[in-house]
Amino acid sequence: MEKNVDVLSILLGILAIFIIVRIVKAASRTVDEEQKKSAVPPKEIRLGMVPAEVEAALGVPETMVDLGEKVLYKYKNMTVEFRDAKVTDVR
């Protein structure tokens, strides 16, 4: 009788672990799906964009440098170069 109780206890323990793992996986899937739904699309800068388009994507630059034939918009992690009011380079 005691062996049956031990086997039953082990089986119940395994079943409990299985149920917990399933619950955690389901919760993880739900979180991943919510993050995908609320993800902000990446900011995109393309050659030929005008300053207003760049500002709409990245915001107002920290520094603007006017060098005559070219203008630089300096952001925290990049510099956008304009010639004739169009993006010609991003560094």
PDB file of N, CA and C in Angstrom:
ATOM      1  N   MET A   1       0.825  -1.185   0.000  1.00  0.00           N
ATOM      2  CA  MET A   1       0.000   0.000   0.000  1.00  0.00           C
ATOM      3  C   MET A   1       0.874   1.256   0.000  1.00  0.00           C
ATOM      4  N   GLU A   2       1.969   1.219   0.788  1.00  0.00           N
ATOM      5  CA  GLU A   2       2.848   2.386   0.884  1.00  0.00           C
ATOM      6  C   GLU A   2       3.532   2.683  -0.454  1.00  0.00           C
ATOM      7  N   LYS A   3       3.878   1.645  -1.224  1.00  0.00           N
ATOM      8  CA  LYS A   3       4.501   1.843  -2.536  1.00  0.00           C
ATOM      9  C   LYS A   3       3.516   2.506  -3.494  1.00  0.00           C
ATOM     10  N   ASN A   4       2.239   2.127  -3.407  1.00  0.00           N
ATOM     11  CA  ASN A   4       1.224   2.734  -4.266  1.00  0.00           C
ATOM     12  C   ASN A   4       1.079   4.224  -3.971  1.00  0.00           C
ATOM     13  N   VAL A   5       1.154   4.580  -2.694  1.00  0.00           N
ATOM     14  CA  VAL A   5       1.052   5.993  -2.300  1.00  0.00           C
ATOM     15  C   VAL A   5       2.256   6.760  -2.824  1.00  0.00           C
ATOM     16  N   ASP A   6       3.475   6.165  -2.729  1.00  0.00           N
ATOM     17  CA  ASP A   6       4.681   6.824  -3.236  1.00  0.00           C
ATOM     18  C   ASP A   6       4.599   7.026  -4.746  1.00  0.00           C
ATOM     19  N   VAL A   7       4.152   6.010  -5.475  1.00  0.00           N
ATOM     20  CA  VAL A   7       4.029   6.105  -6.928  1.00  0.00           C
ATOM     21  C   VAL A   7       2.994   7.162  -7.292  1.00  0.00           C
ATOM     22  N   LEU A   8       1.890   7.169  -6.567  1.00  0.00           N
ATOM     23  CA  LEU A   8       0.845   8.164  -6.810  1.00  0.00           C
ATOM     24  C   LEU A   8       1.361   9.574  -6.549  1.00  0.00           C
ATOM     25  N   SER A   9       2.112   9.746  -5.477  1.00  0.00           N
ATOM     26  CA  SER A   9       2.685  11.061  -5.159  1.00  0.00           C
ATOM     27  C   SER A   9       3.635  11.518  -6.262  1.00  0.00           C
ATOM     28  N   ILE A  10       4.446  10.614  -6.769  1.00  0.00           N
ATOM     29  CA  ILE A  10       5.386  10.948  -7.844  1.00  0.00           C
ATOM     30  C   ILE A  10       4.620  11.340  -9.104  1.00  0.00           C
ATOM     31  N   LEU A  11       3.608  10.556  -9.446  1.00  0.00           N
ATOM     32  CA  LEU A  11       2.813  10.859 -10.636  1.00  0.00           C
ATOM     33  C   LEU A  11       2.099  12.199 -10.502  1.00  0.00           C
ATOM     34  N   LEU A  12       1.559  12.489  -9.334  1.00  0.00           N
ATOM     35  CA  LEU A  12       0.905  13.775  -9.106  1.00  0.00           C
ATOM     36  C   LEU A  12       1.915  14.928  -9.218  1.00  0.00           C
ATOM     37  N   GLY A  13       3.119  14.719  -8.720  1.00  0.00           N
ATOM     38  CA  GLY A  13       4.168  15.733  -8.828  1.00  0.00           C
ATOM     39  C   GLY A  13       4.536  16.008 -10.276  1.00  0.00           C
ATOM     40  N   ILE A  14       4.683  14.930 -11.060  1.00  0.00           N
ATOM     41  CA  ILE A  14       4.996  15.073 -12.486  1.00  0.00           C
ATOM     42  C   ILE A  14       3.869  15.800 -13.208  1.00  0.00           C
ATOM     43  N   LEU A  15       2.629  15.428 -12.891  1.00  0.00           N
ATOM     44  CA  LEU A  15       1.476  16.086 -13.497  1.00  0.00           C
ATOM     45  C   LEU A  15       1.456  17.577 -13.153  1.00  0.00           C
ATOM     46  N   ALA A  16       1.748  17.921 -11.914  1.00  0.00           N
ATOM     47  CA  ALA A  16       1.771  19.325 -11.487  1.00  0.00           C
ATOM     48  C   ALA A  16       2.841  20.099 -12.248  1.00  0.00           C
ATOM     49  N   ILE A  17       4.015  19.508 -12.411  1.00  0.00           N
ATOM     50  CA  ILE A  17       5.096  20.167 -13.152  1.00  0.00           C
ATOM     51  C   ILE A  17       4.672  20.375 -14.606  1.00  0.00           C
ATOM     52  N   PHE A  18       4.062  19.361 -15.211  1.00  0.00           N
ATOM     53  CA  PHE A  18       3.589  19.462 -16.590  1.00  0.00           C
ATOM     54  C   PHE A  18       2.589  20.602 -16.737  1.00  0.00           C
ATOM     55  N   ILE A  19       1.650  20.714 -15.819  1.00  0.00           N
ATOM     56  CA  ILE A  19       0.637  21.767 -15.878  1.00  0.00           C
ATOM     57  C   ILE A  19       1.279  23.143 -15.722  1.00  0.00           C
ATOM     58  N   ILE A  20       2.213  23.278 -14.818  1.00  0.00           N
ATOM     59  CA  ILE A  20       2.895  24.561 -14.600  1.00  0.00           C
ATOM     60  C   ILE A  20       3.658  24.978 -15.856  1.00  0.00           C
ATOM     61  N   VAL A  21       4.357  24.029 -16.478  1.00  0.00           N
ATOM     62  CA  VAL A  21       5.115  24.337 -17.696  1.00  0.00           C
ATOM     63  C   VAL A  21       4.169  24.809 -18.799  1.00  0.00           C
ATOM     64  N   ARG A  22       3.030  24.139 -18.960  1.00  0.00           N
ATOM     65  CA  ARG A  22       2.052  24.533 -19.977  1.00  0.00           C
ATOM     66  C   ARG A  22       1.521  25.938 -19.725  1.00  0.00           C
ATOM     67  N   ILE A  23       1.249  26.262 -18.469  1.00  0.00           N
ATOM     68  CA  ILE A  23       0.736  27.591 -18.115  1.00  0.00           C
ATOM     69  C   ILE A  23       1.781  28.663 -18.433  1.00  0.00           C
ATOM     70  N   VAL A  24       3.026  28.400 -18.083  1.00  0.00           N
ATOM     71  CA  VAL A  24       4.095  29.369 -18.334  1.00  0.00           C
ATOM     72  C   VAL A  24       4.295  29.578 -19.834  1.00  0.00           C
ATOM     73  N   LYS A  25       4.262  28.510 -20.613  1.00  0.00           N
ATOM     74  CA  LYS A  25       4.410  28.633 -22.072  1.00  0.00           C
ATOM     75  C   LYS A  25       3.269  29.444 -22.674  1.00  0.00           C
ATOM     76  N   ALA A  26       2.054  29.190 -22.219  1.00  0.00           N
ATOM     77  CA  ALA A  26       0.900  29.926 -22.734  1.00  0.00           C
ATOM     78  C   ALA A  26       1.009  31.409 -22.387  1.00  0.00           C
ATOM     79  N   ALA A  27       1.438  31.715 -21.172  1.00  0.00           N
ATOM     80  CA  ALA A  27       1.593  33.107 -20.757  1.00  0.00           C
ATOM     81  C   ALA A  27       2.685  33.784 -21.577  1.00  0.00           C
ATOM     82  N   SER A  28       3.761  33.064 -21.844  1.00  0.00           N
ATOM     83  CA  SER A  28       4.861  33.617 -22.627  1.00  0.00           C
ATOM     84  C   SER A  28       4.402  33.930 -24.050  1.00  0.00           C
ATOM     85  N   ARG A  29       3.629  33.037 -24.652  1.00  0.00           N
ATOM     86  CA  ARG A  29       3.115  33.272 -25.999  1.00  0.00           C
ATOM     87  C   ARG A  29       2.233  34.511 -26.036  1.00  0.00           C
ATOM     88  N   THR A  30       1.410  34.679 -25.008  1.00  0.00           N
ATOM     89  CA  THR A  30       0.518  35.835 -24.944  1.00  0.00           C
ATOM     90  C   THR A  30       1.325  37.126 -24.863  1.00  0.00           C
ATOM     91  N   VAL A  31       2.370  37.144 -24.048  1.00  0.00           N
ATOM     92  CA  VAL A  31       3.218  38.330 -23.913  1.00  0.00           C
ATOM     93  C   VAL A  31       3.905  38.634 -25.235  1.00  0.00           C
ATOM     94  N   ASP A  32       4.438  37.612 -25.915  1.00  0.00           N
ATOM     95  CA  ASP A  32       5.098  37.817 -27.200  1.00  0.00           C
ATOM     96  C   ASP A  32       4.133  38.408 -28.226  1.00  0.00           C
ATOM     97  N   GLU A  33       2.907  37.904 -28.268  1.00  0.00           N
ATOM     98  CA  GLU A  33       1.920  38.412 -29.216  1.00  0.00           C
ATOM     99  C   GLU A  33       1.567  39.861 -28.914  1.00  0.00           C
ATOM    100  N   GLU A  34       1.439  40.209 -27.648  1.00  0.00           N
ATOM    101  CA  GLU A  34       1.120  41.592 -27.270  1.00  0.00           C
ATOM    102  C   GLU A  34       2.260  42.524 -27.633  1.00  0.00           C
ATOM    103  N   GLN A  35       3.497  42.079 -27.444  1.00  0.00           N
ATOM    104  CA  GLN A  35       4.639  42.917 -27.796  1.00  0.00           C
ATOM    105  C   GLN A  35       4.692  43.158 -29.299  1.00  0.00           C
ATOM    106  N   LYS A  36       4.373  42.134 -30.090  1.00  0.00           N
ATOM    107  CA  LYS A  36       4.372  42.297 -31.544  1.00  0.00           C
ATOM    108  C   LYS A  36       3.296  43.276 -31.983  1.00  0.00           C
ATOM    109  N   LYS A  37       2.133  43.229 -31.341  1.00  0.00           N
ATOM    110  CA  LYS A  37       1.038  44.126 -31.699  1.00  0.00           C
ATOM    111  C   LYS A  37       1.382  45.579 -31.383  1.00  0.00           C
ATOM    112  N   SER A  38       2.080  45.800 -30.262  1.00  0.00           N
ATOM    113  CA  SER A  38       2.358  47.162 -29.825  1.00  0.00           C
ATOM    114  C   SER A  38       3.724  47.668 -30.294  1.00  0.00           C
ATOM    115  N   ALA A  39       4.437  46.877 -31.084  1.00  0.00           N
ATOM    116  CA  ALA A  39       5.770  47.278 -31.534  1.00  0.00           C
ATOM    117  C   ALA A  39       5.678  48.493 -32.458  1.00  0.00           C
ATOM    118  N   VAL A  40       6.589  49.421 -32.242  1.00  0.00           N
ATOM    119  CA  VAL A  40       6.663  50.625 -33.062  1.00  0.00           C
ATOM    120  C   VAL A  40       7.488  50.297 -34.305  1.00  0.00           C
ATOM    121  N   PRO A  41       6.998  50.633 -35.472  1.00  0.00           N
ATOM    122  CA  PRO A  41       7.786  50.341 -36.672  1.00  0.00           C
ATOM    123  C   PRO A  41       9.122  51.088 -36.632  1.00  0.00           C
ATOM    124  N   PRO A  42      10.162  50.512 -37.210  1.00  0.00           N
ATOM    125  CA  PRO A  42      11.469  51.167 -37.167  1.00  0.00           C
ATOM    126  C   PRO A  42      11.438  52.488 -37.935  1.00  0.00           C
ATOM    127  N   LYS A  43      12.250  53.421 -37.473  1.00  0.00           N
ATOM    128  CA  LYS A  43      12.358  54.714 -38.151  1.00  0.00           C
ATOM    129  C   LYS A  43      13.218  54.524 -39.388  1.00  0.00           C
ATOM    130  N   GLU A  44      12.737  55.042 -40.499  1.00  0.00           N
ATOM    131  CA  GLU A  44      13.412  54.809 -41.762  1.00  0.00           C
ATOM    132  C   GLU A  44      13.812  56.129 -42.412  1.00  0.00           C
ATOM    133  N   ILE A  45      15.086  56.222 -42.756  1.00  0.00           N
ATOM    134  CA  ILE A  45      15.612  57.386 -43.474  1.00  0.00           C
ATOM    135  C   ILE A  45      16.115  56.866 -44.818  1.00  0.00           C
ATOM    136  N   ARG A  46      15.682  57.511 -45.890  1.00  0.00           N
ATOM    137  CA  ARG A  46      16.069  57.085 -47.226  1.00  0.00           C
ATOM    138  C   ARG A  46      16.722  58.246 -47.974  1.00  0.00           C
ATOM    139  N   LEU A  47      17.571  57.903 -48.920  1.00  0.00           N
ATOM    140  CA  LEU A  47      18.164  58.920 -49.779  1.00  0.00           C
ATOM    141  C   LEU A  47      17.052  59.676 -50.485  1.00  0.00           C
ATOM    142  N   GLY A  48      17.231  60.988 -50.609  1.00  0.00           N
ATOM    143  CA  GLY A  48      16.261  61.814 -51.311  1.00  0.00           C
ATOM    144  C   GLY A  48      15.175  62.406 -50.428  1.00  0.00           C
ATOM    145  N   MET A  49      15.099  61.998 -49.171  1.00  0.00           N
ATOM    146  CA  MET A  49      14.093  62.579 -48.282  1.00  0.00           C
ATOM    147  C   MET A  49      14.412  64.051 -48.042  1.00  0.00           C
ATOM    148  N   VAL A  50      13.369  64.842 -47.802  1.00  0.00           N
ATOM    149  CA  VAL A  50      13.554  66.260 -47.488  1.00  0.00           C
ATOM    150  C   VAL A  50      13.622  66.421 -45.972  1.00  0.00           C
ATOM    151  N   PRO A  51      14.135  67.572 -45.487  1.00  0.00           N
ATOM    152  CA  PRO A  51      14.278  67.767 -44.040  1.00  0.00           C
ATOM    153  C   PRO A  51      12.991  67.524 -43.248  1.00  0.00           C
ATOM    154  N   ALA A  52      11.855  67.925 -43.760  1.00  0.00           N
ATOM    155  CA  ALA A  52      10.598  67.726 -43.026  1.00  0.00           C
ATOM    156  C   ALA A  52      10.309  66.235 -42.822  1.00  0.00           C
ATOM    157  N   GLU A  53      10.615  65.407 -43.809  1.00  0.00           N
ATOM    158  CA  GLU A  53      10.401  63.963 -43.682  1.00  0.00           C
ATOM    159  C   GLU A  53      11.334  63.358 -42.640  1.00  0.00           C
ATOM    160  N   VAL A  54      12.577  63.826 -42.622  1.00  0.00           N
ATOM    161  CA  VAL A  54      13.543  63.332 -41.636  1.00  0.00           C
ATOM    162  C   VAL A  54      13.102  63.739 -40.234  1.00  0.00           C
ATOM    163  N   GLU A  55      12.676  64.973 -40.074  1.00  0.00           N
ATOM    164  CA  GLU A  55      12.213  65.429 -38.759  1.00  0.00           C
ATOM    165  C   GLU A  55      10.962  64.676 -38.325  1.00  0.00           C
ATOM    166  N   ALA A  56      10.094  64.330 -39.259  1.00  0.00           N
ATOM    167  CA  ALA A  56       8.900  63.561 -38.913  1.00  0.00           C
ATOM    168  C   ALA A  56       9.290  62.169 -38.405  1.00  0.00           C
ATOM    169  N   ALA A  57      10.345  61.597 -38.969  1.00  0.00           N
ATOM    170  CA  ALA A  57      10.784  60.258 -38.579  1.00  0.00           C
ATOM    171  C   ALA A  57      11.631  60.270 -37.312  1.00  0.00           C
ATOM    172  N   LEU A  58      12.557  61.238 -37.202  1.00  0.00           N
ATOM    173  CA  LEU A  58      13.530  61.234 -36.104  1.00  0.00           C
ATOM    174  C   LEU A  58      13.328  62.334 -35.066  1.00  0.00           C
ATOM    175  N   GLY A  59      12.497  63.301 -35.386  1.00  0.00           N
ATOM    176  CA  GLY A  59      12.330  64.441 -34.489  1.00  0.00           C
ATOM    177  C   GLY A  59      13.298  65.549 -34.863  1.00  0.00           C
ATOM    178  N   VAL A  60      13.243  66.607 -34.091  1.00  0.00           N
ATOM    179  CA  VAL A  60      14.127  67.749 -34.331  1.00  0.00           C
ATOM    180  C   VAL A  60      15.550  67.336 -33.961  1.00  0.00           C
ATOM    181  N   PRO A  61      16.542  67.651 -34.805  1.00  0.00           N
ATOM    182  CA  PRO A  61      17.921  67.254 -34.502  1.00  0.00           C
ATOM    183  C   PRO A  61      18.472  68.005 -33.295  1.00  0.00           C
ATOM    184  N   GLU A  62      19.453  67.389 -32.635  1.00  0.00           N
ATOM    185  CA  GLU A  62      20.123  68.047 -31.511  1.00  0.00           C
ATOM    186  C   GLU A  62      20.900  69.266 -31.995  1.00  0.00           C
ATOM    187  N   THR A  63      21.506  69.128 -33.181  1.00  0.00           N
ATOM    188  CA  THR A  63      22.294  70.213 -33.770  1.00  0.00           C
ATOM    189  C   THR A  63      22.061  70.240 -35.273  1.00  0.00           C
ATOM    190  N   MET A  64      21.966  71.449 -35.820  1.00  0.00           N
ATOM    191  CA  MET A  64      21.871  71.630 -37.273  1.00  0.00           C
ATOM    192  C   MET A  64      23.094  72.442 -37.686  1.00  0.00           C
ATOM    193  N   VAL A  65      23.820  71.955 -38.684  1.00  0.00           N
ATOM    194  CA  VAL A  65      25.022  72.636 -39.162  1.00  0.00           C
ATOM    195  C   VAL A  65      24.816  72.994 -40.626  1.00  0.00           C
ATOM    196  N   ASP A  66      24.875  74.288 -40.923  1.00  0.00           N
ATOM    197  CA  ASP A  66      24.712  74.756 -42.304  1.00  0.00           C
ATOM    198  C   ASP A  66      26.096  75.093 -42.850  1.00  0.00           C
ATOM    199  N   LEU A  67      26.555  74.303 -43.808  1.00  0.00           N
ATOM    200  CA  LEU A  67      27.883  74.501 -44.391  1.00  0.00           C
ATOM    201  C   LEU A  67      27.798  75.044 -45.813  1.00  0.00           C
ATOM    202  N   GLY A  68      26.717  75.728 -46.115  1.00  0.00           N
ATOM    203  CA  GLY A  68      26.554  76.292 -47.456  1.00  0.00           C
ATOM    204  C   GLY A  68      25.967  75.281 -48.404  1.00  0.00           C
ATOM    205  N   GLU A  69      26.833  74.518 -49.075  1.00  0.00           N
ATOM    206  CA  GLU A  69      26.325  73.555 -50.050  1.00  0.00           C
ATOM    207  C   GLU A  69      25.728  72.311 -49.404  1.00  0.00           C
ATOM    208  N   LYS A  70      26.023  72.089 -48.134  1.00  0.00           N
ATOM    209  CA  LYS A  70      25.406  70.957 -47.446  1.00  0.00           C
ATOM    210  C   LYS A  70      24.968  71.353 -46.040  1.00  0.00           C
ATOM    211  N   VAL A  71      23.963  70.649 -45.551  1.00  0.00           N
ATOM    212  CA  VAL A  71      23.435  70.877 -44.204  1.00  0.00           C
ATOM    213  C   VAL A  71      23.475  69.541 -43.468  1.00  0.00           C
ATOM    214  N   LEU A  72      23.927  69.599 -42.224  1.00  0.00           N
ATOM    215  CA  LEU A  72      23.999  68.386 -41.409  1.00  0.00           C
ATOM    216  C   LEU A  72      22.990  68.463 -40.269  1.00  0.00           C
ATOM    217  N   TYR A  73      22.228  67.415 -40.095  1.00  0.00           N
ATOM    218  CA  TYR A  73      21.356  67.254 -38.927  1.00  0.00           C
ATOM    219  C   TYR A  73      22.040  66.224 -38.044  1.00  0.00           C
ATOM    220  N   LYS A  74      22.408  66.638 -36.836  1.00  0.00           N
ATOM    221  CA  LYS A  74      23.094  65.733 -35.926  1.00  0.00           C
ATOM    222  C   LYS A  74      22.124  65.253 -34.851  1.00  0.00           C
ATOM    223  N   TYR A  75      21.987  63.934 -34.774  1.00  0.00           N
ATOM    224  CA  TYR A  75      21.179  63.272 -33.752  1.00  0.00           C
ATOM    225  C   TYR A  75      22.122  62.518 -32.827  1.00  0.00           C
ATOM    226  N   LYS A  76      21.590  61.964 -31.775  1.00  0.00           N
ATOM    227  CA  LYS A  76      22.408  61.274 -30.783  1.00  0.00           C
ATOM    228  C   LYS A  76      23.313  60.217 -31.416  1.00  0.00           C
ATOM    229  N   ASN A  77      22.760  59.378 -32.292  1.00  0.00           N
ATOM    230  CA  ASN A  77      23.524  58.261 -32.838  1.00  0.00           C
ATOM    231  C   ASN A  77      23.749  58.334 -34.341  1.00  0.00           C
ATOM    232  N   MET A  78      23.431  59.455 -34.960  1.00  0.00           N
ATOM    233  CA  MET A  78      23.638  59.548 -36.405  1.00  0.00           C
ATOM    234  C   MET A  78      23.694  60.994 -36.867  1.00  0.00           C
ATOM    235  N   THR A  79      24.245  61.153 -38.050  1.00  0.00           N
ATOM    236  CA  THR A  79      24.274  62.446 -38.728  1.00  0.00           C
ATOM    237  C   THR A  79      23.647  62.250 -40.101  1.00  0.00           C
ATOM    238  N   VAL A  80      22.721  63.127 -40.440  1.00  0.00           N
ATOM    239  CA  VAL A  80      22.057  63.078 -41.744  1.00  0.00           C
ATOM    240  C   VAL A  80      22.555  64.266 -42.553  1.00  0.00           C
ATOM    241  N   GLU A  81      23.032  63.986 -43.756  1.00  0.00           N
ATOM    242  CA  GLU A  81      23.577  65.034 -44.622  1.00  0.00           C
ATOM    243  C   GLU A  81      22.590  65.327 -45.755  1.00  0.00           C
ATOM    244  N   PHE A  82      22.352  66.632 -45.966  1.00  0.00           N
ATOM    245  CA  PHE A  82      21.475  67.091 -47.040  1.00  0.00           C
ATOM    246  C   PHE A  82      22.282  67.903 -48.038  1.00  0.00           C
ATOM    247  N   ARG A  83      22.003  67.729 -49.309  1.00  0.00           N
ATOM    248  CA  ARG A  83      22.510  68.598 -50.373  1.00  0.00           C
ATOM    249  C   ARG A  83      21.303  68.932 -51.235  1.00  0.00           C
ATOM    250  N   ASP A  84      21.141  70.204 -51.519  1.00  0.00           N
ATOM    251  CA  ASP A  84      19.955  70.654 -52.277  1.00  0.00           C
ATOM    252  C   ASP A  84      18.666  70.193 -51.601  1.00  0.00           C
ATOM    253  N   ALA A  85      18.655  70.259 -50.253  1.00  0.00           N
ATOM    254  CA  ALA A  85      17.493  69.935 -49.433  1.00  0.00           C
ATOM    255  C   ALA A  85      17.016  68.491 -49.584  1.00  0.00           C
ATOM    256  N   LYS A  86      17.949  67.574 -49.895  1.00  0.00           N
ATOM    257  CA  LYS A  86      17.615  66.149 -49.979  1.00  0.00           C
ATOM    258  C   LYS A  86      18.711  65.342 -49.306  1.00  0.00           C
ATOM    259  N   VAL A  87      18.309  64.238 -48.626  1.00  0.00           N
ATOM    260  CA  VAL A  87      19.280  63.375 -47.932  1.00  0.00           C
ATOM    261  C   VAL A  87      20.233  62.775 -48.962  1.00  0.00           C
ATOM    262  N   THR A  88      21.531  62.953 -48.700  1.00  0.00           N
ATOM    263  CA  THR A  88      22.551  62.373 -49.569  1.00  0.00           C
ATOM    264  C   THR A  88      23.421  61.363 -48.829  1.00  0.00           C
ATOM    265  N   ASP A  89      23.414  61.425 -47.488  1.00  0.00           N
ATOM    266  CA  ASP A  89      24.247  60.496 -46.712  1.00  0.00           C
ATOM    267  C   ASP A  89      23.731  60.424 -45.284  1.00  0.00           C
ATOM    268  N   VAL A  90      23.904  59.262 -44.667  1.00  0.00           N
ATOM    269  CA  VAL A  90      23.578  59.063 -43.250  1.00  0.00           C
ATOM    270  C   VAL A  90      24.736  58.334 -42.622  1.00  0.00           C
ATOM    271  N   ARG A  91      25.237  58.885 -41.510  1.00  0.00           N
ATOM    272  CA  ARG A  91      26.369  58.270 -40.804  1.00  0.00           C
ATOM    273  C   ARG A  91      26.000  58.057 -39.358  1.00  0.00           C
TER     274      ARG A  91
END
